[in-house]
């Protein structure tokens, strides 16, 4: 059996997909300049008005308290951090060490 390449190419080794097929997807302006990105604008707003972040956190906590699963997940991810995803190639000892798996000891009688 012969394996076919994942990306098909033309005779002159040019890929047939991607930007060759859809040049309209090229971001000709590049990454936004510093200060024009949404994150920069939000940071500036937060620095100007300290009540905004407090209001957002308050609303998130209120939604979590009312049982909104997405809000609960967000709060827990911020407090505890996201869980580590085990790697299949990782040994069981390493996984146990990273995941801090609780293994109860047998009670002596």
N, C-alpha and C. Protein backbone atom coordinates (compact mmCIF):
# COMPACT_ATOMS: atom_id res chain seq x y z
N UNK A 1 0.83 -1.19 0.00
CA UNK A 1 0.00 0.00 0.00
C UNK A 1 0.87 1.25 0.00
N UNK A 2 0.52 2.18 -0.85
CA UNK A 2 1.25 3.44 -0.86
C UNK A 2 0.45 4.48 -0.11
N UNK A 3 1.14 5.26 0.70
CA UNK A 3 0.47 6.30 1.48
C UNK A 3 0.44 7.58 0.67
N UNK A 4 -0.73 8.21 0.61
CA UNK A 4 -0.86 9.47 -0.11
C UNK A 4 -0.49 10.61 0.83
N UNK A 5 0.12 11.66 0.31
CA UNK A 5 0.45 12.79 1.18
C UNK A 5 -0.82 13.47 1.68
N UNK A 6 -0.71 14.04 2.88
CA UNK A 6 -1.86 14.72 3.48
C UNK A 6 -2.22 15.96 2.67
N UNK A 7 -1.21 16.72 2.25
CA UNK A 7 -1.44 17.92 1.44
C UNK A 7 -1.10 17.57 0.00
N UNK A 8 -2.09 17.64 -0.87
CA UNK A 8 -1.84 17.35 -2.27
C UNK A 8 -1.09 18.51 -2.91
N UNK A 9 -0.19 18.18 -3.84
CA UNK A 9 0.61 19.22 -4.47
C UNK A 9 0.52 19.09 -5.99
N UNK A 10 0.77 20.19 -6.67
CA UNK A 10 0.78 20.18 -8.13
C UNK A 10 2.14 19.70 -8.62
N UNK A 11 2.31 19.67 -9.91
CA UNK A 11 3.56 19.17 -10.49
C UNK A 11 4.77 19.97 -10.05
N UNK A 12 4.64 21.28 -9.84
CA UNK A 12 5.79 22.10 -9.43
C UNK A 12 5.86 22.28 -7.91
N UNK A 13 5.33 21.28 -7.17
CA UNK A 13 5.39 21.21 -5.70
C UNK A 13 4.68 22.37 -4.99
N UNK A 14 3.69 22.97 -5.61
CA UNK A 14 2.90 24.01 -4.96
C UNK A 14 1.66 23.36 -4.36
N UNK A 15 1.34 23.63 -3.11
CA UNK A 15 0.14 23.05 -2.51
C UNK A 15 -1.11 23.51 -3.25
N UNK A 16 -2.09 22.63 -3.33
CA UNK A 16 -3.31 22.97 -4.07
C UNK A 16 -4.38 23.58 -3.16
N UNK A 17 -4.20 23.57 -1.84
CA UNK A 17 -5.21 24.10 -0.93
C UNK A 17 -4.73 25.37 -0.25
N UNK A 18 -5.39 25.73 0.83
CA UNK A 18 -4.98 26.87 1.64
C UNK A 18 -5.16 28.20 0.94
N UNK A 19 -4.15 29.06 1.04
CA UNK A 19 -4.25 30.41 0.49
C UNK A 19 -4.23 30.41 -1.03
N UNK A 20 -3.71 29.33 -1.66
CA UNK A 20 -3.73 29.25 -3.12
C UNK A 20 -5.17 29.18 -3.63
N UNK A 21 -6.02 28.48 -2.90
CA UNK A 21 -7.42 28.33 -3.29
C UNK A 21 -8.26 29.49 -2.76
N UNK A 22 -7.95 29.96 -1.55
CA UNK A 22 -8.74 31.01 -0.90
C UNK A 22 -7.85 32.19 -0.51
N UNK A 23 -7.39 32.98 -1.49
CA UNK A 23 -6.51 34.11 -1.15
C UNK A 23 -7.23 35.19 -0.33
N UNK A 24 -8.56 35.16 -0.31
CA UNK A 24 -9.30 36.17 0.47
C UNK A 24 -9.10 35.97 1.96
N UNK A 25 -8.58 34.80 2.38
CA UNK A 25 -8.37 34.53 3.80
C UNK A 25 -7.04 35.08 4.33
N UNK A 26 -6.23 35.64 3.47
CA UNK A 26 -4.94 36.18 3.90
C UNK A 26 -5.18 37.47 4.69
N UNK A 27 -4.58 37.55 5.88
CA UNK A 27 -4.70 38.76 6.70
C UNK A 27 -3.63 39.74 6.25
N UNK A 28 -3.97 40.59 5.32
CA UNK A 28 -2.98 41.49 4.73
C UNK A 28 -2.57 42.61 5.69
N UNK A 29 -3.38 42.90 6.70
CA UNK A 29 -3.03 43.94 7.66
C UNK A 29 -2.13 43.42 8.78
N UNK A 30 -2.02 42.12 8.93
CA UNK A 30 -1.20 41.53 9.98
C UNK A 30 -1.83 41.69 11.35
N UNK A 31 -1.05 41.43 12.34
CA UNK A 31 -1.52 41.52 13.72
C UNK A 31 -1.84 42.97 14.06
N UNK A 32 -2.91 43.22 14.86
CA UNK A 32 -3.23 44.61 15.21
C UNK A 32 -2.07 45.27 15.96
N UNK A 33 -1.88 46.55 15.70
CA UNK A 33 -0.84 47.30 16.39
C UNK A 33 -1.19 47.38 17.87
N UNK A 34 -0.16 47.50 18.70
CA UNK A 34 -0.38 47.57 20.14
C UNK A 34 -1.28 48.77 20.43
N UNK A 35 -2.29 48.53 21.23
CA UNK A 35 -3.23 49.59 21.58
C UNK A 35 -4.51 49.51 20.78
N UNK A 36 -4.49 48.79 19.66
CA UNK A 36 -5.70 48.66 18.84
C UNK A 36 -6.40 47.33 19.07
N UNK A 37 -5.73 46.39 19.74
CA UNK A 37 -6.33 45.09 20.00
C UNK A 37 -7.40 45.23 21.09
N UNK A 38 -8.40 44.39 21.04
CA UNK A 38 -9.50 44.43 22.00
C UNK A 38 -8.99 44.30 23.43
N UNK A 39 -8.01 43.43 23.64
CA UNK A 39 -7.45 43.26 24.99
C UNK A 39 -6.85 44.55 25.50
N UNK A 40 -6.13 45.27 24.65
CA UNK A 40 -5.52 46.54 25.07
C UNK A 40 -6.58 47.58 25.41
N UNK A 41 -7.62 47.64 24.62
CA UNK A 41 -8.71 48.59 24.86
C UNK A 41 -9.40 48.28 26.18
N UNK A 42 -9.66 46.97 26.43
CA UNK A 42 -10.31 46.58 27.68
C UNK A 42 -9.42 46.88 28.88
N UNK A 43 -8.10 46.60 28.74
CA UNK A 43 -7.18 46.89 29.83
C UNK A 43 -7.19 48.38 30.18
N UNK A 44 -7.21 49.20 29.15
CA UNK A 44 -7.23 50.65 29.36
C UNK A 44 -8.52 51.07 30.08
N UNK A 45 -9.64 50.49 29.67
CA UNK A 45 -10.92 50.80 30.31
C UNK A 45 -10.90 50.38 31.78
N UNK A 46 -10.34 49.21 32.05
CA UNK A 46 -10.28 48.71 33.43
C UNK A 46 -9.42 49.60 34.30
N UNK A 47 -8.33 50.13 33.74
CA UNK A 47 -7.45 50.99 34.51
C UNK A 47 -8.10 52.34 34.79
N UNK A 48 -8.91 52.82 33.85
CA UNK A 48 -9.58 54.11 34.02
C UNK A 48 -10.70 54.03 35.04
N UNK A 49 -11.39 52.89 35.07
CA UNK A 49 -12.55 52.75 35.96
C UNK A 49 -12.44 51.42 36.69
N UNK A 50 -12.02 51.47 37.95
CA UNK A 50 -11.81 50.25 38.74
C UNK A 50 -13.12 49.53 39.05
N UNK A 51 -14.25 50.17 38.89
CA UNK A 51 -15.53 49.55 39.20
C UNK A 51 -15.93 48.51 38.14
N UNK A 52 -15.41 48.64 36.93
CA UNK A 52 -15.78 47.71 35.85
C UNK A 52 -15.37 46.28 36.17
N UNK A 53 -14.08 46.02 36.48
CA UNK A 53 -13.71 44.62 36.78
C UNK A 53 -14.46 44.06 37.98
N UNK A 54 -14.68 44.90 39.00
CA UNK A 54 -15.41 44.43 40.18
C UNK A 54 -16.84 44.07 39.81
N UNK A 55 -17.46 44.85 38.93
CA UNK A 55 -18.83 44.56 38.50
C UNK A 55 -18.88 43.25 37.71
N UNK A 56 -17.88 43.03 36.87
CA UNK A 56 -17.84 41.80 36.07
C UNK A 56 -17.66 40.59 36.97
N UNK A 57 -16.74 40.68 37.91
CA UNK A 57 -16.50 39.56 38.83
C UNK A 57 -17.74 39.33 39.68
N UNK A 58 -18.36 40.39 40.13
CA UNK A 58 -19.59 40.27 40.93
C UNK A 58 -20.69 39.57 40.16
N UNK A 59 -20.86 39.95 38.91
CA UNK A 59 -21.89 39.33 38.07
C UNK A 59 -21.58 37.85 37.84
N UNK A 60 -20.31 37.52 37.59
CA UNK A 60 -19.91 36.13 37.39
C UNK A 60 -20.20 35.29 38.63
N UNK A 61 -19.85 35.83 39.79
CA UNK A 61 -20.10 35.10 41.03
C UNK A 61 -21.60 34.95 41.30
N UNK A 62 -22.36 35.98 40.96
CA UNK A 62 -23.82 35.91 41.13
C UNK A 62 -24.41 34.83 40.21
N UNK A 63 -23.94 34.78 38.96
CA UNK A 63 -24.43 33.77 38.02
C UNK A 63 -24.06 32.37 38.50
N UNK A 64 -22.84 32.20 39.02
CA UNK A 64 -22.41 30.90 39.54
C UNK A 64 -23.27 30.49 40.73
N UNK A 65 -23.57 31.45 41.61
CA UNK A 65 -24.39 31.16 42.78
C UNK A 65 -25.81 30.77 42.39
N UNK A 66 -26.27 31.28 41.25
CA UNK A 66 -27.62 30.95 40.76
C UNK A 66 -27.65 29.64 39.97
N UNK A 67 -26.49 28.97 39.85
CA UNK A 67 -26.47 27.65 39.22
C UNK A 67 -26.07 27.64 37.76
N UNK A 68 -25.60 28.75 37.21
CA UNK A 68 -25.16 28.77 35.81
C UNK A 68 -23.89 27.94 35.68
N UNK A 69 -24.00 26.80 35.00
CA UNK A 69 -22.89 25.84 34.91
C UNK A 69 -21.65 26.46 34.29
N UNK A 70 -21.81 27.27 33.24
CA UNK A 70 -20.65 27.90 32.58
C UNK A 70 -19.95 28.85 33.54
N UNK A 71 -20.71 29.60 34.34
CA UNK A 71 -20.12 30.52 35.31
C UNK A 71 -19.41 29.75 36.42
N UNK A 72 -20.01 28.65 36.86
CA UNK A 72 -19.38 27.81 37.89
C UNK A 72 -18.04 27.29 37.37
N UNK A 73 -18.05 26.79 36.13
CA UNK A 73 -16.82 26.27 35.53
C UNK A 73 -15.75 27.35 35.46
N UNK A 74 -16.14 28.56 35.05
CA UNK A 74 -15.20 29.66 34.92
C UNK A 74 -14.59 30.02 36.28
N UNK A 75 -15.43 30.10 37.30
CA UNK A 75 -14.94 30.44 38.64
C UNK A 75 -13.97 29.37 39.13
N UNK A 76 -14.34 28.09 38.97
CA UNK A 76 -13.47 27.01 39.43
C UNK A 76 -12.16 26.98 38.64
N UNK A 77 -12.22 27.24 37.33
CA UNK A 77 -11.00 27.27 36.53
C UNK A 77 -10.08 28.38 36.98
N UNK A 78 -10.64 29.51 37.39
CA UNK A 78 -9.83 30.64 37.84
C UNK A 78 -9.24 30.38 39.23
N UNK A 79 -9.99 29.68 40.07
CA UNK A 79 -9.53 29.44 41.44
C UNK A 79 -8.57 28.25 41.49
N UNK A 80 -8.98 27.13 40.92
CA UNK A 80 -8.21 25.89 41.00
C UNK A 80 -7.29 25.67 39.81
N UNK A 81 -7.56 26.32 38.70
CA UNK A 81 -6.80 26.06 37.48
C UNK A 81 -7.45 24.92 36.71
N UNK A 82 -7.18 24.86 35.42
CA UNK A 82 -7.74 23.78 34.60
C UNK A 82 -7.03 22.48 34.93
N UNK A 83 -7.76 21.36 34.85
CA UNK A 83 -7.13 20.07 35.15
C UNK A 83 -6.07 19.72 34.10
N UNK A 84 -5.03 19.02 34.54
CA UNK A 84 -3.97 18.59 33.64
C UNK A 84 -4.50 17.43 32.81
N UNK A 85 -4.28 17.49 31.50
CA UNK A 85 -4.69 16.40 30.63
C UNK A 85 -3.56 15.39 30.55
N UNK A 86 -3.83 14.14 30.95
CA UNK A 86 -2.76 13.15 30.91
C UNK A 86 -2.37 12.82 29.48
N UNK A 87 -1.10 12.53 29.28
CA UNK A 87 -0.56 12.17 27.99
C UNK A 87 -0.51 10.65 27.91
N UNK A 88 -0.98 10.07 26.82
CA UNK A 88 -1.03 8.63 26.67
C UNK A 88 0.36 8.02 26.76
N UNK A 89 1.37 8.72 26.27
CA UNK A 89 2.74 8.20 26.27
C UNK A 89 3.39 8.30 27.64
N UNK A 90 2.76 9.01 28.54
CA UNK A 90 3.30 9.21 29.88
C UNK A 90 3.08 7.93 30.70
N UNK A 91 4.04 7.56 31.50
CA UNK A 91 3.88 6.39 32.36
C UNK A 91 2.89 6.64 33.46
N UNK A 92 2.37 5.56 34.05
CA UNK A 92 1.37 5.69 35.11
C UNK A 92 1.94 6.40 36.34
N UNK A 93 3.22 6.15 36.65
CA UNK A 93 3.85 6.82 37.79
C UNK A 93 3.88 8.33 37.60
N UNK A 94 4.25 8.77 36.40
CA UNK A 94 4.32 10.20 36.09
C UNK A 94 2.92 10.81 36.13
N UNK A 95 1.92 10.09 35.56
CA UNK A 95 0.54 10.60 35.59
C UNK A 95 0.06 10.76 37.02
N UNK A 96 0.35 9.75 37.86
CA UNK A 96 -0.07 9.81 39.26
C UNK A 96 0.57 11.00 39.96
N UNK A 97 1.85 11.23 39.67
CA UNK A 97 2.56 12.36 40.28
C UNK A 97 1.96 13.69 39.84
N UNK A 98 1.68 13.83 38.54
CA UNK A 98 1.14 15.10 38.03
C UNK A 98 -0.30 15.34 38.45
N UNK A 99 -1.09 14.29 38.48
CA UNK A 99 -2.51 14.44 38.78
C UNK A 99 -2.82 14.40 40.27
N UNK A 100 -1.82 14.09 41.09
CA UNK A 100 -2.00 14.01 42.54
C UNK A 100 -3.18 13.11 42.89
N UNK A 101 -3.17 11.93 42.33
CA UNK A 101 -4.27 10.99 42.56
C UNK A 101 -4.20 10.49 43.99
N UNK A 102 -5.33 10.54 44.65
CA UNK A 102 -5.42 10.11 46.03
C UNK A 102 -5.60 8.60 46.05
N UNK A 103 -4.69 7.91 46.69
CA UNK A 103 -4.81 6.47 46.85
C UNK A 103 -4.88 6.19 48.36
N UNK A 104 -6.06 5.85 48.84
CA UNK A 104 -6.20 5.63 50.29
C UNK A 104 -5.39 4.40 50.73
N UNK A 105 -4.81 4.53 51.91
CA UNK A 105 -4.08 3.40 52.49
C UNK A 105 -5.08 2.51 53.18
N UNK A 106 -4.77 1.22 53.19
CA UNK A 106 -5.66 0.27 53.88
C UNK A 106 -5.58 0.52 55.38
N UNK A 107 -6.73 0.50 56.01
CA UNK A 107 -6.77 0.71 57.45
C UNK A 107 -6.29 -0.55 58.16
N UNK A 108 -5.43 -0.39 59.15
CA UNK A 108 -4.98 -1.55 59.93
C UNK A 108 -6.04 -1.85 60.96
N UNK A 109 -6.27 -3.15 61.16
CA UNK A 109 -7.32 -3.53 62.10
C UNK A 109 -6.77 -4.02 63.39
